[in-house]
Structures are given as structure tokens and as C-alpha cells.
């Protein structure tokens, strides 16, 4: 198993791990009511770690590393559960899940270069945008980006990552983008020709 991680100065940390070639999302969150660290795998196949506020995010990551065999067993058990009828909105949740895995993997890839701290990553049904970045460091992405060519997904992720440093489209912003996407102008033009709807 190879573990990809990015330590952030926040009470919530999100990332991905690779388990035997399978990319798995995890979320580590502090809770004032928690007395000990614990982990569970939710129905959307995300490992959710909850721990006391006195603990450090690094301790949560170490907890995951130490319990890799449990993670693998838990996912294998989920895979052999009987089939359960899904609600009508299941495809929407599935698409959000897939988009989240793609985005987190790309963020870890490109932020290994930029090292920009961010608060959270959210997948949304956005009507006019492929992504956005808030002043407090929340990164938002349109779930439909999973249907785009990967080189355009790369551009979208890098674009929003650079907004963590420059909340504008000035000269310095485009310089940051070009460090990872030298042909950003061409990709931006290609993206504009695709209807976000």
C-alpha cells in the first residue's frame, strides 16, 4: 500500500489512500465529544476517522496507517453484502462520489508542487461553473467534470488551487497556473467550448 497525504492546519483533513490498486477517500475530523479515536467506512465508501480535539491530525493519519489490514477487511466485507435496492437519486450520489475521488487524487498530485493549505473540498451540482474557491479556502467542484478529458480536469483543479494564493485573475495568478499547466490558454479555450450544463 502506498499512502498519499497532505497535512493541513485545520481540524478536518481529507485525502486518498491506495489499497491494492483501489483509490479510497478518507476524512479525519476532530470532535469535542469524542473520547477516543475511531474509524468507520460509510455507505459512500469513505473512511471517516473521528478523534478528540486534543489529538493532532498526524495522529489520525498514523492511526489509519497502523490499521491498514482492518481497512482492507472492512471494504471486502462491504463488497459481499447482499444487494440492496437503491433510491431513485442513487445515480446522483454515485456521480458525486466518483467526481470526489478524481478531484482528491488530482489535488494531491498538483498540491504536492504548490503546497497551498485549503479548508475543504466539496462536490456540487454547479450550473455555470466547473469550480470555485472561497476566501476561507473551500474548494468546490462541479460533479460533471468527471465526464471531461483528464487534461481539462487537470486545468480546473490547478486553476482553483492557484486561487488559494491569488483570489483574482491577475498576472501573478496566471503565472502560478502556468507552472503546472504551461498550455493553460489552450485548455481554457477548449473548456469554454463545452457547455457546463
N, C-alpha and C. Protein backbone atom coordinates (compact mmCIF):
# COMPACT_ATOMS: atom_id res chain seq x y z
N UNK A 1 0.84 -1.20 0.00
CA UNK A 1 0.00 0.00 0.00
C UNK A 1 0.87 1.25 0.00
N UNK A 2 0.53 2.18 -0.83
CA UNK A 2 1.19 3.48 -0.82
C UNK A 2 0.19 4.50 -0.33
N UNK A 3 0.62 5.34 0.59
CA UNK A 3 -0.29 6.32 1.22
C UNK A 3 0.05 7.70 0.71
N UNK A 4 -0.98 8.40 0.20
CA UNK A 4 -0.83 9.77 -0.25
C UNK A 4 -1.46 10.66 0.78
N UNK A 5 -0.75 11.68 1.22
CA UNK A 5 -1.33 12.54 2.24
C UNK A 5 -0.83 13.96 2.12
N UNK A 6 -1.62 14.84 2.70
CA UNK A 6 -1.25 16.26 2.73
C UNK A 6 -1.71 16.78 4.08
N UNK A 7 -0.79 17.16 4.94
CA UNK A 7 -1.16 17.64 6.27
C UNK A 7 -1.58 19.10 6.19
N UNK A 8 -2.71 19.42 6.81
CA UNK A 8 -3.27 20.76 6.72
C UNK A 8 -3.51 21.32 8.11
N UNK A 9 -3.39 22.63 8.28
CA UNK A 9 -3.57 23.24 9.60
C UNK A 9 -5.03 23.48 9.92
N UNK A 10 -5.90 22.46 9.77
CA UNK A 10 -7.32 22.59 10.05
C UNK A 10 -7.75 21.41 10.90
N UNK A 11 -8.97 21.50 11.48
CA UNK A 11 -9.50 20.42 12.31
C UNK A 11 -10.09 19.30 11.46
N UNK A 12 -10.09 19.47 10.15
CA UNK A 12 -10.60 18.44 9.25
C UNK A 12 -9.61 18.24 8.12
N UNK A 13 -9.32 16.99 7.84
CA UNK A 13 -8.35 16.67 6.80
C UNK A 13 -8.92 15.61 5.88
N UNK A 14 -8.79 15.83 4.58
CA UNK A 14 -9.29 14.88 3.59
C UNK A 14 -8.14 14.43 2.70
N UNK A 15 -8.20 13.20 2.25
CA UNK A 15 -7.16 12.70 1.37
C UNK A 15 -7.57 11.38 0.74
N UNK A 16 -6.59 10.72 0.13
CA UNK A 16 -6.85 9.42 -0.50
C UNK A 16 -5.74 8.46 -0.18
N UNK A 17 -6.08 7.17 -0.14
CA UNK A 17 -5.09 6.11 0.02
C UNK A 17 -5.30 5.11 -1.11
N UNK A 18 -4.25 4.41 -1.47
CA UNK A 18 -4.34 3.35 -2.46
C UNK A 18 -4.21 2.01 -1.75
N UNK A 19 -5.24 1.19 -1.87
CA UNK A 19 -5.25 -0.13 -1.27
C UNK A 19 -5.33 -1.16 -2.38
N UNK A 20 -4.20 -1.82 -2.64
CA UNK A 20 -4.14 -2.84 -3.69
C UNK A 20 -4.71 -2.32 -5.01
N UNK A 21 -4.30 -1.12 -5.38
CA UNK A 21 -4.72 -0.54 -6.63
C UNK A 21 -6.08 0.14 -6.59
N UNK A 22 -6.71 0.16 -5.43
CA UNK A 22 -8.03 0.78 -5.30
C UNK A 22 -7.89 2.10 -4.56
N UNK A 23 -8.30 3.20 -5.18
CA UNK A 23 -8.23 4.51 -4.54
C UNK A 23 -9.39 4.68 -3.58
N UNK A 24 -9.08 5.02 -2.34
CA UNK A 24 -10.10 5.15 -1.29
C UNK A 24 -9.97 6.52 -0.63
N UNK A 25 -11.09 7.21 -0.48
CA UNK A 25 -11.09 8.52 0.18
C UNK A 25 -11.18 8.35 1.69
N UNK A 26 -10.54 9.26 2.41
CA UNK A 26 -10.70 9.27 3.86
C UNK A 26 -10.90 10.71 4.35
N UNK A 27 -11.58 10.83 5.48
CA UNK A 27 -11.81 12.12 6.12
C UNK A 27 -11.46 11.96 7.59
N UNK A 28 -10.59 12.81 8.10
CA UNK A 28 -10.24 12.82 9.52
C UNK A 28 -10.82 14.10 10.12
N UNK A 29 -11.63 13.95 11.16
CA UNK A 29 -12.31 15.10 11.74
C UNK A 29 -12.23 15.06 13.27
N UNK A 30 -11.99 16.23 13.86
CA UNK A 30 -11.97 16.33 15.31
C UNK A 30 -13.37 16.60 15.84
N UNK A 31 -13.67 16.01 17.00
CA UNK A 31 -14.98 16.16 17.61
C UNK A 31 -14.81 16.37 19.11
N UNK A 32 -15.38 17.44 19.62
CA UNK A 32 -15.22 17.76 21.05
C UNK A 32 -15.85 16.72 21.96
N UNK A 33 -16.77 15.91 21.44
CA UNK A 33 -17.44 14.90 22.25
C UNK A 33 -16.75 13.54 22.18
N UNK A 34 -15.76 13.41 21.32
CA UNK A 34 -15.06 12.13 21.19
C UNK A 34 -14.04 11.96 22.32
N UNK A 35 -14.02 10.76 22.88
CA UNK A 35 -13.06 10.47 23.95
C UNK A 35 -11.88 9.63 23.45
N UNK A 36 -12.08 8.98 22.30
CA UNK A 36 -11.00 8.20 21.72
C UNK A 36 -11.13 8.24 20.20
N UNK A 37 -10.08 7.83 19.53
CA UNK A 37 -10.10 7.83 18.07
C UNK A 37 -10.82 6.59 17.57
N UNK A 38 -11.60 6.76 16.52
CA UNK A 38 -12.32 5.64 15.94
C UNK A 38 -12.49 5.86 14.44
N UNK A 39 -12.72 4.77 13.72
CA UNK A 39 -12.88 4.85 12.27
C UNK A 39 -14.05 4.00 11.83
N UNK A 40 -14.69 4.42 10.76
CA UNK A 40 -15.79 3.67 10.17
C UNK A 40 -15.81 3.92 8.68
N UNK A 41 -16.35 2.97 7.94
CA UNK A 41 -16.49 3.14 6.49
C UNK A 41 -17.95 3.39 6.20
N UNK A 42 -18.24 4.55 5.63
CA UNK A 42 -19.62 4.94 5.37
C UNK A 42 -20.14 4.29 4.09
N UNK A 43 -21.43 4.44 3.86
CA UNK A 43 -22.06 3.82 2.69
C UNK A 43 -21.54 4.38 1.38
N UNK A 44 -20.94 5.58 1.42
CA UNK A 44 -20.36 6.16 0.20
C UNK A 44 -18.89 5.78 0.02
N UNK A 45 -18.46 4.74 0.77
CA UNK A 45 -17.11 4.17 0.64
C UNK A 45 -16.02 5.17 1.01
N UNK A 46 -16.27 5.96 2.03
CA UNK A 46 -15.27 6.88 2.54
C UNK A 46 -14.92 6.47 3.97
N UNK A 47 -13.63 6.37 4.27
CA UNK A 47 -13.19 6.08 5.64
C UNK A 47 -13.29 7.35 6.45
N UNK A 48 -14.10 7.32 7.50
CA UNK A 48 -14.30 8.51 8.33
C UNK A 48 -13.69 8.27 9.70
N UNK A 49 -12.68 9.06 10.03
CA UNK A 49 -11.99 8.95 11.31
C UNK A 49 -12.42 10.12 12.20
N UNK A 50 -12.87 9.81 13.39
CA UNK A 50 -13.26 10.83 14.37
C UNK A 50 -12.33 10.72 15.57
N UNK A 51 -11.88 11.87 16.08
CA UNK A 51 -10.96 11.82 17.21
C UNK A 51 -11.14 13.06 18.09
N UNK A 52 -10.64 13.00 19.34
CA UNK A 52 -10.78 14.14 20.25
C UNK A 52 -10.04 15.37 19.72
N UNK A 53 -10.49 16.52 20.13
CA UNK A 53 -9.88 17.77 19.67
C UNK A 53 -8.44 17.93 20.17
N UNK A 54 -8.09 17.22 21.23
CA UNK A 54 -6.74 17.33 21.77
C UNK A 54 -5.71 16.60 20.92
N UNK A 55 -6.16 15.74 20.03
CA UNK A 55 -5.23 14.98 19.18
C UNK A 55 -4.88 15.78 17.93
N UNK A 56 -3.76 15.44 17.34
CA UNK A 56 -3.30 16.10 16.12
C UNK A 56 -3.75 15.30 14.90
N UNK A 57 -3.91 16.01 13.77
CA UNK A 57 -4.29 15.35 12.52
C UNK A 57 -3.29 14.25 12.17
N UNK A 58 -2.01 14.49 12.45
CA UNK A 58 -0.98 13.50 12.15
C UNK A 58 -1.26 12.18 12.87
N UNK A 59 -1.83 12.26 14.09
CA UNK A 59 -2.14 11.05 14.84
C UNK A 59 -3.26 10.26 14.17
N UNK A 60 -4.19 10.99 13.52
CA UNK A 60 -5.25 10.30 12.79
C UNK A 60 -4.71 9.56 11.59
N UNK A 61 -3.76 10.18 10.89
CA UNK A 61 -3.15 9.53 9.73
C UNK A 61 -2.35 8.31 10.18
N UNK A 62 -1.63 8.43 11.28
CA UNK A 62 -0.87 7.30 11.81
C UNK A 62 -1.81 6.16 12.20
N UNK A 63 -2.97 6.50 12.75
CA UNK A 63 -3.97 5.51 13.12
C UNK A 63 -4.42 4.73 11.88
N UNK A 64 -4.63 5.42 10.76
CA UNK A 64 -5.02 4.75 9.52
C UNK A 64 -3.89 3.85 9.02
N UNK A 65 -2.68 4.35 9.08
CA UNK A 65 -1.54 3.57 8.61
C UNK A 65 -1.40 2.27 9.42
N UNK A 66 -1.62 2.39 10.72
CA UNK A 66 -1.46 1.24 11.61
C UNK A 66 -2.56 0.20 11.42
N UNK A 67 -3.69 0.63 10.88
CA UNK A 67 -4.85 -0.26 10.75
C UNK A 67 -5.22 -0.52 9.29
N UNK A 68 -4.22 -0.61 8.44
CA UNK A 68 -4.47 -0.84 7.02
C UNK A 68 -5.19 -2.17 6.77
N UNK A 69 -4.81 -3.20 7.51
CA UNK A 69 -5.45 -4.51 7.32
C UNK A 69 -6.93 -4.45 7.65
N UNK A 70 -7.28 -3.70 8.70
CA UNK A 70 -8.70 -3.55 9.06
C UNK A 70 -9.45 -2.85 7.94
N UNK A 71 -8.84 -1.81 7.36
CA UNK A 71 -9.48 -1.08 6.27
C UNK A 71 -9.78 -2.02 5.12
N UNK A 72 -8.81 -2.84 4.76
CA UNK A 72 -8.98 -3.77 3.64
C UNK A 72 -10.08 -4.79 3.95
N UNK A 73 -10.09 -5.33 5.16
CA UNK A 73 -11.13 -6.30 5.53
C UNK A 73 -12.50 -5.66 5.48
N UNK A 74 -12.61 -4.42 5.97
CA UNK A 74 -13.90 -3.74 6.02
C UNK A 74 -14.45 -3.52 4.62
N UNK A 75 -13.57 -3.15 3.69
CA UNK A 75 -14.04 -2.94 2.31
C UNK A 75 -14.43 -4.26 1.66
N UNK A 76 -13.68 -5.32 1.95
CA UNK A 76 -14.03 -6.62 1.40
C UNK A 76 -15.38 -7.09 1.92
N UNK A 77 -15.68 -6.82 3.19
CA UNK A 77 -16.97 -7.18 3.76
C UNK A 77 -18.10 -6.40 3.11
N UNK A 78 -17.84 -5.13 2.80
CA UNK A 78 -18.86 -4.33 2.11
C UNK A 78 -19.17 -4.89 0.73
N UNK A 79 -18.13 -5.41 0.08
CA UNK A 79 -18.31 -5.89 -1.28
C UNK A 79 -19.14 -7.17 -1.37
N UNK A 80 -19.27 -7.91 -0.25
CA UNK A 80 -20.02 -9.17 -0.30
C UNK A 80 -21.38 -9.04 0.38
N UNK A 81 -21.78 -7.83 0.70
CA UNK A 81 -23.10 -7.64 1.27
C UNK A 81 -24.18 -7.92 0.23
N UNK A 82 -25.37 -8.39 0.67
CA UNK A 82 -26.46 -8.64 -0.28
C UNK A 82 -26.85 -7.36 -1.01
N UNK A 83 -27.39 -7.53 -2.20
CA UNK A 83 -27.82 -6.36 -2.97
C UNK A 83 -28.98 -5.66 -2.27
N UNK A 84 -28.91 -4.35 -2.22
CA UNK A 84 -29.96 -3.54 -1.60
C UNK A 84 -30.49 -2.58 -2.65
N UNK A 85 -31.80 -2.51 -2.77
CA UNK A 85 -32.39 -1.58 -3.75
C UNK A 85 -32.04 -0.16 -3.38
N UNK A 86 -31.60 0.61 -4.36
CA UNK A 86 -31.18 1.98 -4.13
C UNK A 86 -32.30 2.96 -4.44
N UNK A 87 -32.33 4.11 -3.77
CA UNK A 87 -33.35 5.12 -4.07
C UNK A 87 -33.14 5.70 -5.46
N UNK A 88 -34.13 6.43 -5.93
CA UNK A 88 -34.10 6.95 -7.29
C UNK A 88 -32.95 7.93 -7.51
N UNK A 89 -32.49 8.59 -6.44
CA UNK A 89 -31.43 9.59 -6.61
C UNK A 89 -30.05 8.97 -6.47
N UNK A 90 -29.95 7.64 -6.46
CA UNK A 90 -28.66 6.99 -6.30
C UNK A 90 -27.65 7.38 -7.37
N UNK A 91 -28.03 7.48 -8.67
CA UNK A 91 -27.04 7.87 -9.67
C UNK A 91 -26.37 9.19 -9.37
N UNK A 92 -27.13 10.16 -8.84
CA UNK A 92 -26.56 11.46 -8.50
C UNK A 92 -25.47 11.31 -7.43
N UNK A 93 -25.77 10.53 -6.39
CA UNK A 93 -24.79 10.32 -5.32
C UNK A 93 -23.57 9.58 -5.86
N UNK A 94 -23.83 8.64 -6.74
CA UNK A 94 -22.72 7.88 -7.33
C UNK A 94 -21.81 8.80 -8.12
N UNK A 95 -22.38 9.69 -8.92
CA UNK A 95 -21.57 10.62 -9.71
C UNK A 95 -20.77 11.55 -8.82
N UNK A 96 -21.37 12.01 -7.73
CA UNK A 96 -20.66 12.87 -6.79
C UNK A 96 -19.48 12.12 -6.17
N UNK A 97 -19.69 10.85 -5.86
CA UNK A 97 -18.65 10.03 -5.26
C UNK A 97 -17.47 9.85 -6.23
N UNK A 98 -17.79 9.55 -7.47
CA UNK A 98 -16.75 9.36 -8.48
C UNK A 98 -15.97 10.65 -8.70
N UNK A 99 -16.70 11.76 -8.81
CA UNK A 99 -16.05 13.06 -9.02
C UNK A 99 -15.13 13.40 -7.85
N UNK A 100 -15.57 13.10 -6.66
CA UNK A 100 -14.77 13.41 -5.47
C UNK A 100 -13.45 12.64 -5.48
N UNK A 101 -13.50 11.38 -5.86
CA UNK A 101 -12.28 10.57 -5.92
C UNK A 101 -11.31 11.15 -6.94
N UNK A 102 -11.84 11.53 -8.10
CA UNK A 102 -10.99 12.11 -9.14
C UNK A 102 -10.36 13.41 -8.67
N UNK A 103 -11.18 14.28 -8.08
CA UNK A 103 -10.70 15.60 -7.65
C UNK A 103 -9.66 15.48 -6.55
N UNK A 104 -9.92 14.64 -5.55
CA UNK A 104 -8.96 14.49 -4.45
C UNK A 104 -7.61 13.97 -4.94
N UNK A 105 -7.67 13.04 -5.87
CA UNK A 105 -6.42 12.50 -6.41
C UNK A 105 -5.64 13.58 -7.15
N UNK A 106 -6.34 14.42 -7.92
CA UNK A 106 -5.69 15.49 -8.67
C UNK A 106 -5.15 16.58 -7.74
N UNK A 107 -5.91 16.88 -6.67
CA UNK A 107 -5.44 17.88 -5.71
C UNK A 107 -4.15 17.43 -5.05
N UNK A 108 -4.11 16.17 -4.63
CA UNK A 108 -2.90 15.65 -4.01
C UNK A 108 -1.73 15.68 -4.99
N UNK A 109 -2.00 15.38 -6.25
CA UNK A 109 -0.95 15.38 -7.27
C UNK A 109 -0.37 16.78 -7.48
N UNK A 110 -1.23 17.77 -7.69
CA UNK A 110 -0.74 19.10 -8.02
C UNK A 110 -0.34 19.91 -6.79
N UNK A 111 -1.00 19.67 -5.67
CA UNK A 111 -0.64 20.43 -4.47
C UNK A 111 0.66 19.93 -3.86
N UNK A 112 1.14 18.80 -4.34
CA UNK A 112 2.48 18.36 -3.95
C UNK A 112 3.52 19.34 -4.48
N UNK A 113 3.14 20.08 -5.52
CA UNK A 113 4.01 21.13 -6.06
C UNK A 113 3.76 22.48 -5.40
N UNK A 114 2.46 22.85 -5.26
CA UNK A 114 2.14 24.18 -4.77
C UNK A 114 2.21 24.30 -3.24
N UNK A 115 1.80 23.27 -2.53
CA UNK A 115 1.78 23.29 -1.06
C UNK A 115 0.87 24.39 -0.50
N UNK A 116 -0.30 24.57 -1.11
CA UNK A 116 -1.26 25.55 -0.63
C UNK A 116 -2.22 24.89 0.37
N UNK A 117 -2.37 25.44 1.57
CA UNK A 117 -3.34 24.89 2.53
C UNK A 117 -4.76 25.23 2.11
N UNK A 118 -5.67 24.29 2.29
CA UNK A 118 -7.09 24.53 1.97
C UNK A 118 -7.95 23.98 3.09
N UNK A 119 -9.19 24.44 3.17
CA UNK A 119 -10.06 24.06 4.28
C UNK A 119 -10.86 22.80 3.98
N UNK A 120 -11.50 22.74 2.82
CA UNK A 120 -12.32 21.58 2.50
C UNK A 120 -12.46 21.45 0.99
N UNK A 121 -12.92 20.28 0.57
CA UNK A 121 -13.20 20.01 -0.84
C UNK A 121 -14.64 19.54 -0.94
N UNK A 122 -15.41 20.21 -1.78
CA UNK A 122 -16.82 19.88 -1.92
C UNK A 122 -17.17 19.65 -3.38
N UNK A 123 -18.02 18.67 -3.61
CA UNK A 123 -18.52 18.37 -4.95
C UNK A 123 -19.96 18.85 -5.02
N UNK A 124 -20.27 19.66 -6.02
CA UNK A 124 -21.60 20.26 -6.12
C UNK A 124 -22.18 20.12 -7.52
N UNK A 125 -23.47 20.37 -7.61
CA UNK A 125 -24.13 20.45 -8.92
C UNK A 125 -24.16 21.92 -9.29
N UNK A 126 -23.12 22.37 -9.98
CA UNK A 126 -22.96 23.78 -10.32
C UNK A 126 -23.50 24.03 -11.72
N UNK A 127 -24.30 25.05 -11.88
CA UNK A 127 -24.98 25.30 -13.15
C UNK A 127 -24.13 26.07 -14.16
N UNK A 128 -23.21 26.90 -13.68
CA UNK A 128 -22.47 27.76 -14.61
C UNK A 128 -20.96 27.66 -14.47
N UNK A 129 -20.47 26.90 -13.50
CA UNK A 129 -19.03 26.83 -13.27
C UNK A 129 -18.55 25.38 -13.18
N UNK A 130 -17.25 25.22 -13.48
CA UNK A 130 -16.62 23.92 -13.26
C UNK A 130 -16.00 23.84 -11.88
N UNK A 131 -15.71 25.00 -11.28
CA UNK A 131 -15.11 25.01 -9.96
C UNK A 131 -15.10 26.40 -9.38
N UNK A 132 -14.81 26.49 -8.08
CA UNK A 132 -14.70 27.79 -7.41
C UNK A 132 -13.87 27.63 -6.15
N UNK A 133 -13.41 28.77 -5.63
CA UNK A 133 -12.60 28.79 -4.41
C UNK A 133 -13.08 29.95 -3.55
N UNK A 134 -13.37 29.68 -2.28
CA UNK A 134 -13.85 30.72 -1.38
C UNK A 134 -12.69 31.41 -0.67
N UNK A 135 -12.99 32.53 -0.03
CA UNK A 135 -11.96 33.29 0.68
C UNK A 135 -11.37 32.53 1.86
N UNK A 136 -12.13 31.59 2.42
CA UNK A 136 -11.65 30.84 3.58
C UNK A 136 -11.00 29.51 3.17
N UNK A 137 -10.81 29.31 1.87
CA UNK A 137 -10.08 28.14 1.42
C UNK A 137 -10.90 26.91 1.12
N UNK A 138 -12.21 27.07 0.88
CA UNK A 138 -13.05 25.94 0.47
C UNK A 138 -12.97 25.79 -1.04
N UNK A 139 -12.64 24.58 -1.50
CA UNK A 139 -12.57 24.30 -2.92
C UNK A 139 -13.84 23.56 -3.35
N UNK A 140 -14.52 24.08 -4.36
CA UNK A 140 -15.77 23.49 -4.84
C UNK A 140 -15.61 23.09 -6.30
N UNK A 141 -16.14 21.91 -6.63
CA UNK A 141 -16.02 21.42 -8.00
C UNK A 141 -17.35 20.85 -8.48
N UNK A 142 -17.59 21.01 -9.76
CA UNK A 142 -18.79 20.51 -10.40
C UNK A 142 -18.66 19.00 -10.61
N UNK A 143 -19.65 18.24 -10.19
CA UNK A 143 -19.57 16.78 -10.30
C UNK A 143 -19.46 16.33 -11.76
N UNK A 144 -19.88 17.19 -12.71
CA UNK A 144 -19.87 16.82 -14.12
C UNK A 144 -18.46 16.80 -14.72
N UNK A 145 -17.46 17.29 -13.97
CA UNK A 145 -16.11 17.30 -14.54
C UNK A 145 -15.58 15.89 -14.80
N UNK A 146 -16.21 14.88 -14.16
CA UNK A 146 -15.76 13.50 -14.39
C UNK A 146 -15.97 13.06 -15.84
N UNK A 147 -16.82 13.79 -16.58
CA UNK A 147 -17.09 13.45 -17.96
C UNK A 147 -16.16 14.19 -18.93
N UNK A 148 -15.27 15.01 -18.39
CA UNK A 148 -14.34 15.77 -19.22
C UNK A 148 -13.06 14.97 -19.48
N UNK A 149 -12.33 15.31 -20.54
CA UNK A 149 -10.99 14.72 -20.72
C UNK A 149 -10.10 15.07 -19.53
N UNK A 150 -9.20 14.18 -19.16
CA UNK A 150 -8.40 14.39 -17.95
C UNK A 150 -7.53 15.64 -18.02
N UNK A 151 -7.09 16.03 -19.22
CA UNK A 151 -6.24 17.22 -19.28
C UNK A 151 -7.03 18.48 -18.93
N UNK A 152 -8.35 18.45 -19.13
CA UNK A 152 -9.18 19.59 -18.73
C UNK A 152 -9.49 19.54 -17.23
N UNK A 153 -9.62 18.34 -16.69
CA UNK A 153 -9.79 18.20 -15.24
C UNK A 153 -8.54 18.74 -14.54
N UNK A 154 -7.37 18.41 -15.08
CA UNK A 154 -6.12 18.94 -14.52
C UNK A 154 -6.15 20.46 -14.47
N UNK A 155 -6.59 21.06 -15.57
CA UNK A 155 -6.63 22.53 -15.64
C UNK A 155 -7.57 23.10 -14.59
N UNK A 156 -8.75 22.51 -14.45
CA UNK A 156 -9.74 23.01 -13.49
C UNK A 156 -9.20 22.94 -12.07
N UNK A 157 -8.60 21.82 -11.72
CA UNK A 157 -8.07 21.64 -10.36
C UNK A 157 -6.93 22.62 -10.09
N UNK A 158 -6.01 22.75 -11.03
CA UNK A 158 -4.89 23.69 -10.86
C UNK A 158 -5.40 25.12 -10.76
N UNK A 159 -6.38 25.46 -11.58
CA UNK A 159 -6.98 26.80 -11.57
C UNK A 159 -7.49 27.15 -10.18
N UNK A 160 -8.27 26.23 -9.58
CA UNK A 160 -8.83 26.53 -8.26
C UNK A 160 -7.77 26.48 -7.16
N UNK A 161 -6.80 25.61 -7.29
CA UNK A 161 -5.71 25.58 -6.31
C UNK A 161 -4.97 26.91 -6.29
N UNK A 162 -4.73 27.49 -7.46
CA UNK A 162 -3.99 28.75 -7.53
C UNK A 162 -4.80 29.92 -6.96
N UNK A 163 -6.12 29.78 -6.94
CA UNK A 163 -6.94 30.81 -6.31
C UNK A 163 -6.76 30.82 -4.79
N UNK A 164 -6.24 29.75 -4.23
CA UNK A 164 -5.93 29.75 -2.80
C UNK A 164 -4.86 30.78 -2.48
N UNK A 165 -4.00 31.04 -3.46
CA UNK A 165 -2.92 32.02 -3.29
C UNK A 165 -3.31 33.39 -3.85
N UNK A 166 -4.01 33.39 -4.98
CA UNK A 166 -4.40 34.62 -5.66
C UNK A 166 -5.89 34.57 -5.98
N UNK A 167 -6.70 35.32 -5.23
CA UNK A 167 -8.15 35.33 -5.45
C UNK A 167 -8.55 36.32 -6.54
N UNK A 168 -7.89 36.20 -7.67
CA UNK A 168 -8.17 37.08 -8.81
C UNK A 168 -7.62 36.41 -10.06
N UNK A 169 -7.73 37.07 -11.19
CA UNK A 169 -7.18 36.55 -12.43
C UNK A 169 -6.09 37.48 -12.95
N UNK A 170 -5.28 37.94 -12.03
CA UNK A 170 -4.19 38.84 -12.40
C UNK A 170 -2.97 38.10 -12.95
N UNK A 171 -1.94 38.85 -13.22
CA UNK A 171 -0.72 38.32 -13.83
C UNK A 171 -0.08 37.24 -12.95
N UNK A 172 -0.04 37.48 -11.65
CA UNK A 172 0.58 36.51 -10.74
C UNK A 172 -0.21 35.21 -10.70
N UNK A 173 -1.53 35.31 -10.80
CA UNK A 173 -2.38 34.10 -10.81
C UNK A 173 -2.04 33.23 -12.01
N UNK A 174 -2.02 33.83 -13.20
CA UNK A 174 -1.75 33.05 -14.40
C UNK A 174 -0.34 32.50 -14.43
N UNK A 175 0.57 33.21 -13.78
CA UNK A 175 1.94 32.68 -13.65
C UNK A 175 1.94 31.41 -12.81
N UNK A 176 1.17 31.41 -11.72
CA UNK A 176 1.07 30.22 -10.88
C UNK A 176 0.48 29.04 -11.66
N UNK A 177 -0.57 29.31 -12.42
CA UNK A 177 -1.21 28.25 -13.21
C UNK A 177 -0.22 27.67 -14.22
N UNK A 178 0.53 28.53 -14.88
CA UNK A 178 1.45 28.09 -15.95
C UNK A 178 2.58 27.21 -15.43
N UNK A 179 2.84 27.27 -14.12
CA UNK A 179 3.91 26.45 -13.58
C UNK A 179 3.59 24.96 -13.67
N UNK A 180 2.31 24.62 -13.65
CA UNK A 180 1.90 23.22 -13.80
C UNK A 180 1.17 22.97 -15.12
N UNK A 181 0.53 24.01 -15.67
CA UNK A 181 -0.20 23.89 -16.93
C UNK A 181 0.32 24.94 -17.90
N UNK A 182 1.44 24.66 -18.58
CA UNK A 182 2.03 25.65 -19.49
C UNK A 182 1.10 26.05 -20.63
N UNK A 183 0.25 25.12 -21.08
CA UNK A 183 -0.67 25.43 -22.18
C UNK A 183 -2.06 25.76 -21.65
N UNK A 184 -2.12 26.45 -20.53
CA UNK A 184 -3.39 26.79 -19.90
C UNK A 184 -4.33 27.58 -20.79
N UNK A 185 -3.80 28.46 -21.63
CA UNK A 185 -4.65 29.26 -22.51
C UNK A 185 -5.42 28.38 -23.47
N UNK A 186 -4.75 27.40 -24.05
CA UNK A 186 -5.40 26.49 -24.99
C UNK A 186 -6.45 25.63 -24.29
N UNK A 187 -6.12 25.18 -23.09
CA UNK A 187 -7.08 24.34 -22.35
C UNK A 187 -8.29 25.16 -21.91
N UNK A 188 -8.05 26.40 -21.54
CA UNK A 188 -9.15 27.27 -21.13
C UNK A 188 -10.09 27.51 -22.31
N UNK A 189 -9.54 27.71 -23.48
CA UNK A 189 -10.35 27.92 -24.68
C UNK A 189 -11.16 26.67 -25.00
N UNK A 190 -10.53 25.51 -24.86
CA UNK A 190 -11.23 24.25 -25.13
C UNK A 190 -12.37 24.04 -24.13
N UNK A 191 -12.13 24.42 -22.88
CA UNK A 191 -13.14 24.24 -21.84
C UNK A 191 -14.34 25.15 -22.08
N UNK A 192 -14.09 26.36 -22.58
CA UNK A 192 -15.17 27.30 -22.83
C UNK A 192 -16.12 26.83 -23.93
N UNK A 193 -15.63 25.95 -24.78
CA UNK A 193 -16.46 25.42 -25.86
C UNK A 193 -17.37 24.29 -25.41
N UNK A 194 -17.21 23.87 -24.16
CA UNK A 194 -18.04 22.80 -23.61
C UNK A 194 -19.12 23.40 -22.73
N UNK A 195 -20.36 23.06 -22.99
CA UNK A 195 -21.47 23.57 -22.20
C UNK A 195 -21.49 22.90 -20.84
N UNK A 196 -21.32 23.67 -19.78
CA UNK A 196 -21.27 23.12 -18.43
C UNK A 196 -22.57 22.42 -18.05
N UNK A 197 -23.67 22.75 -18.71
CA UNK A 197 -24.95 22.13 -18.42
C UNK A 197 -25.08 20.74 -19.04
